[in-house]
């Protein structure tokens, strides 16, 4: 599902809201999550999961095409851990 499909689905479930308002709400939520992660904060949505950032140190990598060694700079990457309720719902049929 892409963001526009999510907005459309929420708008269908809430006919009292205009689609542009739903789009603004979804964008505001996502912007807040991104802003919190950029500050290094953790975002937890109970039953869904938790977003956080992890630091990766610099290392020497390898170009898979040429085999040449390349320097990979240190960076911060987003990390998502599913919540217990989501894990149970996903593994219900397994």
Protein backbone atom coordinates (compact mmCIF):
# COMPACT_ATOMS: atom_id res chain seq x y z
CA UNK A 1 0.00 0.00 0.00
CA UNK A 2 1.28 3.45 -0.88
CA UNK A 3 0.50 6.70 0.90
CA UNK A 4 -2.19 7.80 -1.58
CA UNK A 5 -3.99 4.46 -1.13
CA UNK A 6 -3.83 4.87 2.65
CA UNK A 7 -5.30 8.37 2.38
CA UNK A 8 -8.08 7.11 0.11
CA UNK A 9 -8.93 4.21 2.44
CA UNK A 10 -9.10 6.49 5.51
CA UNK A 11 -11.25 8.99 3.57
CA UNK A 12 -13.65 6.19 2.56
CA UNK A 13 -13.97 5.07 6.20
CA UNK A 14 -14.60 8.66 7.34
CA UNK A 15 -17.00 10.26 4.83
CA UNK A 16 -17.39 13.32 7.11
CA UNK A 17 -13.77 14.28 6.31
CA UNK A 18 -12.54 15.75 3.04
CA UNK A 19 -9.81 13.76 1.31
CA UNK A 20 -7.45 16.78 1.39
CA UNK A 21 -7.91 16.98 5.18
CA UNK A 22 -7.11 13.28 5.55
CA UNK A 23 -4.02 13.78 3.38
CA UNK A 24 -2.91 16.68 5.61
CA UNK A 25 -3.40 14.53 8.71
CA UNK A 26 -1.41 11.60 7.29
CA UNK A 27 1.37 13.96 6.17
CA UNK A 28 1.46 15.61 9.61
CA UNK A 29 1.78 12.24 11.35
CA UNK A 30 4.56 11.07 9.03
CA UNK A 31 6.37 14.43 9.32
CA UNK A 32 6.28 14.19 13.12
CA UNK A 33 7.70 10.65 13.03
CA UNK A 34 10.50 11.75 10.69
CA UNK A 35 11.19 14.83 12.82
CA UNK A 36 11.42 12.77 15.99
CA UNK A 37 13.79 10.30 14.35
CA UNK A 38 15.92 13.16 13.02
CA UNK A 39 16.27 14.42 16.62
CA UNK A 40 17.32 10.92 17.69
CA UNK A 41 14.07 10.21 19.55
CA UNK A 42 12.20 6.92 19.58
CA UNK A 43 8.59 6.77 18.32
CA UNK A 44 6.39 4.03 19.77
CA UNK A 45 2.91 3.25 18.44
CA UNK A 46 1.40 0.72 20.84
CA UNK A 47 0.24 -2.44 19.10
CA UNK A 48 1.97 -1.40 15.87
CA UNK A 49 5.65 -1.03 16.59
CA UNK A 50 8.51 1.29 17.42
CA UNK A 51 10.69 3.42 15.17
CA UNK A 52 14.20 4.31 16.25
CA UNK A 53 17.55 5.16 14.73
CA UNK A 54 20.75 3.18 14.90
CA UNK A 55 24.26 4.45 14.27
CA UNK A 56 26.43 2.52 11.87
CA UNK A 57 30.15 3.13 12.12
CA UNK A 58 32.45 3.69 9.17
CA UNK A 59 33.81 0.60 7.50
CA UNK A 60 35.56 -0.67 4.41
CA UNK A 61 33.07 -2.07 1.92
CA UNK A 62 33.43 -3.76 -1.43
CA UNK A 63 32.05 -2.75 -4.80
CA UNK A 64 30.21 -5.92 -5.92
CA UNK A 65 30.77 -5.17 -9.60
CA UNK A 66 34.51 -4.55 -9.54
CA UNK A 67 35.57 -6.06 -6.23
CA UNK A 68 37.31 -2.79 -5.40
CA UNK A 69 37.45 -1.75 -1.72
CA UNK A 70 35.59 1.46 -0.90
CA UNK A 71 35.29 3.53 2.27
CA UNK A 72 31.75 3.65 3.66
CA UNK A 73 31.16 6.63 5.95
CA UNK A 74 29.43 6.36 9.31
CA UNK A 75 25.69 7.01 9.14
CA UNK A 76 22.43 6.83 11.03
CA UNK A 77 19.74 4.49 9.70
CA UNK A 78 16.07 4.09 10.65
CA UNK A 79 15.05 0.89 12.42
CA UNK A 80 11.55 -0.54 12.97
CA UNK A 81 10.59 -3.20 15.48
CA UNK A 82 7.08 -4.63 15.27
CA UNK A 83 4.82 -4.57 18.28
CA UNK A 84 3.53 -7.70 19.95
CA UNK A 85 -0.04 -7.26 18.68
CA UNK A 86 1.11 -6.83 15.06
CA UNK A 87 3.41 -9.86 15.28
CA UNK A 88 0.54 -11.98 16.62
CA UNK A 89 -1.86 -10.82 13.89
CA UNK A 90 0.71 -11.49 11.15
CA UNK A 91 1.52 -14.97 12.47
CA UNK A 92 -2.07 -15.94 13.24
CA UNK A 93 -2.34 -18.31 10.28
CA UNK A 94 1.17 -19.73 10.55
